[in-house]
Amino acid sequence: MSFGIYKQGQGYWVRTLTAVFIGTLFLACAAWLFNEGTTLANVLPRASSQVYLENPDGVTPSVGDVVHFFIEGENGSLEEAGSATVQGKTDTGSLLIDTMSAGAEVSNDKIVRIEGPNDFAAVPSVIPGKPVIEPIFISGGLAALTILIGAIAVYYYVGVHKKSSEFLIATDIEMRRVNWSTRKDVIRSTVVVIVASFAIAASLFFVDFFFEWLFSAMRIRRM
């Protein structure tokens, strides 16, 4: 199978405009996927978040222990925001945790307290883990893949595939055979349509005014 342009130079305008139209659709799809890439990145697993502990009390949780995060409620009371499992520790004593089970973001700056087993409690400072794949790479990759697929599809449909190319060439030939109106005819027809539109609008206005007067005279409707 040849990958060169089939009957190059024939059906130029129809093939070109068809390629532009299909390409625009693929570009719009690529733009949408680029914006949705961030949403997809948030679904992917993240690296462990790091929790710095201030004023810790009790025994620091070990790997596998579950810790609970609290936020300050409306009445000043503590409300649990979610829980997470300890995955490890750093040399500085910070905890490495996974994503909160309650679905809340670990990076929530409203978190004021962390509690764990063995009467552990502290004031946490959370640094959220980065996604396994950066959102910009996902967004850019999806957009680039869509554009690549679109370019191949447009080239194949418009330039290589014989049946579609023959159809577009035949369409271009038929378009050239059409007896298009002259500029003078187009202007004259446009003026007629505009004048007719205003005339119809004026007629309807007077008809509406007449029926309003008639119904008011018959005491069916007040003016």
Protein backbone atom coordinates (compact mmCIF):
# COMPACT_ATOMS: atom_id res chain seq x y z
CA MET A 1 0.00 0.00 0.00
CA SER A 2 1.35 3.39 -1.00
CA PHE A 3 1.44 6.17 1.57
CA GLY A 4 1.79 8.94 -0.99
CA ILE A 5 -1.05 11.35 -1.73
CA TYR A 6 -3.57 9.74 -4.06
CA LYS A 7 -4.14 11.82 -7.22
CA GLN A 8 -2.23 14.77 -5.82
CA GLY A 9 -3.58 18.15 -6.92
CA GLN A 10 -7.09 16.93 -7.69
CA GLY A 11 -10.03 17.96 -5.50
CA TYR A 12 -7.74 20.44 -3.74
CA TRP A 13 -10.26 22.69 -2.01
CA VAL A 14 -12.69 19.99 -0.85
CA ARG A 15 -9.85 17.83 0.45
CA THR A 16 -8.17 20.79 2.15
CA LEU A 17 -11.33 22.05 3.84
CA THR A 18 -12.23 18.49 4.91
CA ALA A 19 -8.79 18.13 6.49
CA VAL A 20 -9.18 21.47 8.27
CA PHE A 21 -12.61 20.52 9.63
CA ILE A 22 -11.55 17.09 10.90
CA GLY A 23 -8.31 18.52 12.27
CA THR A 24 -10.25 21.17 14.20
CA LEU A 25 -12.34 18.44 15.84
CA PHE A 26 -9.21 16.57 16.91
CA LEU A 27 -7.63 19.80 18.24
CA ALA A 28 -10.76 20.50 20.30
CA CYS A 29 -10.61 16.96 21.66
CA ALA A 30 -6.91 17.40 22.47
CA ALA A 31 -7.63 20.65 24.33
CA TRP A 32 -10.36 18.94 26.36
CA LEU A 33 -8.07 16.03 27.25
CA PHE A 34 -5.32 18.48 28.22
CA ASN A 35 -7.66 20.11 30.74
CA GLU A 36 -8.89 16.74 32.01
CA GLY A 37 -5.38 15.41 32.48
CA THR A 38 -5.12 17.02 35.93
CA THR A 39 -8.26 15.20 37.04
CA LEU A 40 -6.81 11.90 35.88
CA ALA A 41 -3.54 12.63 37.68
CA ASN A 42 -5.40 13.08 40.96
CA VAL A 43 -6.81 9.55 40.60
CA LEU A 44 -3.36 7.99 40.23
CA PRO A 45 -1.50 6.90 43.37
CA ARG A 46 0.77 9.44 45.02
CA ALA A 47 4.08 9.11 46.75
CA SER A 48 3.96 9.04 50.53
CA SER A 49 3.10 12.33 52.20
CA GLN A 50 5.48 13.58 54.86
CA VAL A 51 4.14 14.72 58.23
CA TYR A 52 6.32 16.89 60.48
CA LEU A 53 5.42 16.54 64.15
CA GLU A 54 5.40 19.50 66.53
CA ASN A 55 5.20 19.03 70.33
CA PRO A 56 4.62 15.25 70.13
CA ASP A 57 3.24 13.41 73.17
CA GLY A 58 3.28 9.67 73.76
CA VAL A 59 4.92 7.00 71.65
CA THR A 60 5.52 7.85 68.01
CA PRO A 61 3.47 5.52 65.77
CA SER A 62 5.26 2.67 64.02
CA VAL A 63 4.94 1.44 60.46
CA GLY A 64 1.46 0.01 59.91
CA ASP A 65 -0.20 2.05 62.67
CA VAL A 66 -3.24 4.13 61.80
CA VAL A 67 -3.18 7.82 62.68
CA HIS A 68 -6.17 10.17 62.72
CA PHE A 69 -6.24 13.80 61.59
CA PHE A 70 -8.50 16.40 63.17
CA ILE A 71 -9.70 19.84 62.14
CA GLU A 72 -11.22 22.56 64.27
CA GLY A 73 -15.02 22.56 64.13
CA GLU A 74 -17.39 25.51 64.18
CA ASN A 75 -17.74 25.42 67.97
CA GLY A 76 -14.02 25.05 68.57
CA SER A 77 -14.26 21.28 69.03
CA LEU A 78 -12.09 18.84 67.11
CA GLU A 79 -13.64 16.93 64.22
CA GLU A 80 -11.94 14.00 62.51
CA ALA A 81 -11.02 14.76 58.91
CA GLY A 82 -9.71 11.32 58.02
CA SER A 83 -7.17 8.65 58.83
CA ALA A 84 -4.06 7.27 57.17
CA THR A 85 -1.62 4.42 57.60
CA VAL A 86 2.00 5.06 58.55
CA GLN A 87 4.26 3.75 55.79
CA GLY A 88 7.59 4.76 57.22
CA LYS A 89 9.70 7.27 59.12
CA THR A 90 12.45 9.69 58.20
CA ASP A 91 15.71 10.33 60.01
CA THR A 92 14.23 13.56 61.39
CA GLY A 93 11.31 11.72 63.00
CA SER A 94 8.72 12.70 60.43
CA LEU A 95 6.05 10.20 59.39
CA LEU A 96 5.43 8.98 55.86
CA ILE A 97 1.74 8.29 55.30
CA ASP A 98 -0.59 7.32 52.46
CA THR A 99 -3.73 9.17 51.35
CA MET A 100 -6.45 9.77 53.91
CA SER A 101 -9.13 7.09 53.93
CA ALA A 102 -11.91 9.66 54.33
CA GLY A 103 -11.04 11.21 51.01
CA ALA A 104 -9.85 14.50 52.49
CA GLU A 105 -6.64 15.98 51.19
CA VAL A 106 -3.65 15.41 53.46
CA SER A 107 -2.45 18.87 52.51
CA ASN A 108 -5.48 20.48 54.17
CA ASP A 109 -4.04 23.45 56.09
CA LYS A 110 -6.98 23.32 58.52
CA ILE A 111 -5.65 20.14 60.16
CA VAL A 112 -4.62 21.07 63.69
CA ARG A 113 -4.02 17.74 65.43
CA ILE A 114 -2.90 14.18 64.77
CA GLU A 115 -3.53 11.26 67.11
CA GLY A 116 -2.44 7.64 67.13
CA PRO A 117 -2.10 4.55 69.32
CA ASN A 118 -0.37 4.61 72.71
CA ASP A 119 -1.73 8.07 73.55
CA PHE A 120 0.20 9.67 70.71
CA ALA A 121 -0.75 13.25 69.82
CA ALA A 122 0.99 16.10 68.02
CA VAL A 123 0.48 19.17 65.89
CA PRO A 124 1.09 18.07 62.28
CA SER A 125 2.58 19.96 59.40
CA VAL A 126 1.83 17.99 56.24
CA ILE A 127 3.75 18.09 52.97
CA PRO A 128 1.66 16.18 50.42
CA GLY A 129 3.32 13.57 48.26
CA LYS A 130 3.75 14.23 44.58
CA PRO A 131 1.80 12.17 42.02
CA VAL A 132 3.58 9.19 40.51
CA ILE A 133 3.32 11.01 37.16
CA GLU A 134 3.27 14.79 36.99
CA PRO A 135 -0.12 16.13 35.79
CA ILE A 136 1.53 18.21 33.05
CA PHE A 137 3.06 15.06 31.56
CA ILE A 138 -0.31 13.29 31.54
CA SER A 139 -2.10 16.30 30.05
CA GLY A 140 0.59 16.90 27.45
CA GLY A 141 0.85 13.21 26.60
CA LEU A 142 -2.89 12.82 26.06
CA ALA A 143 -3.04 15.98 23.94
CA ALA A 144 0.00 14.99 21.87
CA LEU A 145 -1.33 11.46 21.34
CA THR A 146 -4.70 12.82 20.21
CA ILE A 147 -3.06 15.25 17.77
CA LEU A 148 -0.83 12.47 16.40
CA ILE A 149 -3.80 10.12 15.89
CA GLY A 150 -5.77 12.97 14.31
CA ALA A 151 -2.95 13.85 11.92
CA ILE A 152 -2.60 10.23 10.80
CA ALA A 153 -6.37 9.83 10.42
CA VAL A 154 -6.74 13.05 8.41
CA TYR A 155 -3.81 12.23 6.14
CA TYR A 156 -5.07 8.70 5.51
CA TYR A 157 -8.71 9.69 4.92
CA VAL A 158 -8.02 12.76 2.76
CA GLY A 159 -4.81 11.80 1.01
CA VAL A 160 -4.24 8.03 0.96
CA HIS A 161 -7.53 6.10 1.12
CA LYS A 162 -8.75 5.65 -2.45
CA LYS A 163 -12.51 5.51 -1.84
CA SER A 164 -12.64 8.61 0.36
CA SER A 165 -10.23 10.48 -1.92
CA GLU A 166 -12.30 9.63 -5.00
CA PHE A 167 -15.43 10.84 -3.21
CA LEU A 168 -13.81 14.15 -2.25
CA ILE A 169 -12.42 14.63 -5.76
CA ALA A 170 -15.83 13.93 -7.30
CA THR A 171 -17.43 16.37 -4.86
CA ASP A 172 -14.95 19.07 -5.85
CA ILE A 173 -15.70 18.47 -9.54
CA GLU A 174 -19.45 18.75 -8.93
CA MET A 175 -18.95 21.94 -6.90
CA ARG A 176 -17.12 23.51 -9.83
CA ARG A 177 -20.01 22.68 -12.15
CA VAL A 178 -22.53 24.57 -10.03
CA ASN A 179 -23.71 27.85 -11.55
CA TRP A 180 -23.00 30.11 -8.58
CA SER A 181 -24.89 33.38 -8.26
CA THR A 182 -23.11 36.60 -9.13
CA ARG A 183 -22.28 39.24 -6.52
CA LYS A 184 -25.10 41.43 -7.85
CA ASP A 185 -27.65 38.62 -7.48
CA VAL A 186 -26.51 37.84 -3.93
CA ILE A 187 -26.82 41.51 -2.90
CA ARG A 188 -30.27 41.82 -4.50
CA SER A 189 -31.52 38.64 -2.79
CA THR A 190 -30.13 39.75 0.57
CA VAL A 191 -31.88 43.13 0.32
CA VAL A 192 -35.17 41.40 -0.54
CA VAL A 193 -34.89 39.14 2.51
CA ILE A 194 -34.09 42.05 4.84
CA VAL A 195 -36.95 44.21 3.52
CA ALA A 196 -39.37 41.30 3.70
CA SER A 197 -38.35 40.58 7.31
CA PHE A 198 -39.03 44.17 8.38
CA ALA A 199 -42.31 44.22 6.44
CA ILE A 200 -43.51 41.03 8.13
CA ALA A 201 -42.47 42.35 11.55
CA ALA A 202 -44.36 45.62 10.95
CA SER A 203 -47.46 43.76 9.75
CA LEU A 204 -47.47 41.55 12.83
CA PHE A 205 -47.08 44.62 15.04
CA PHE A 206 -50.19 46.28 13.56
CA VAL A 207 -52.17 43.02 13.67
CA ASP A 208 -51.26 42.61 17.33
CA PHE A 209 -52.23 46.23 18.05
CA PHE A 210 -55.56 45.73 16.23
CA PHE A 211 -56.50 42.63 18.24
CA GLU A 212 -55.48 44.34 21.47
CA TRP A 213 -57.81 47.26 20.63
CA LEU A 214 -60.60 44.87 19.57
CA PHE A 215 -60.46 42.76 22.75
CA SER A 216 -60.36 45.91 24.86
CA ALA A 217 -63.43 47.29 23.06
CA MET A 218 -65.22 44.00 23.73
CA ARG A 219 -64.19 44.31 27.41
CA ILE A 220 -62.30 41.03 27.15
CA ARG A 221 -58.97 42.67 27.93
CA ARG A 222 -58.05 46.03 29.41
CA MET A 223 -55.68 48.36 27.55
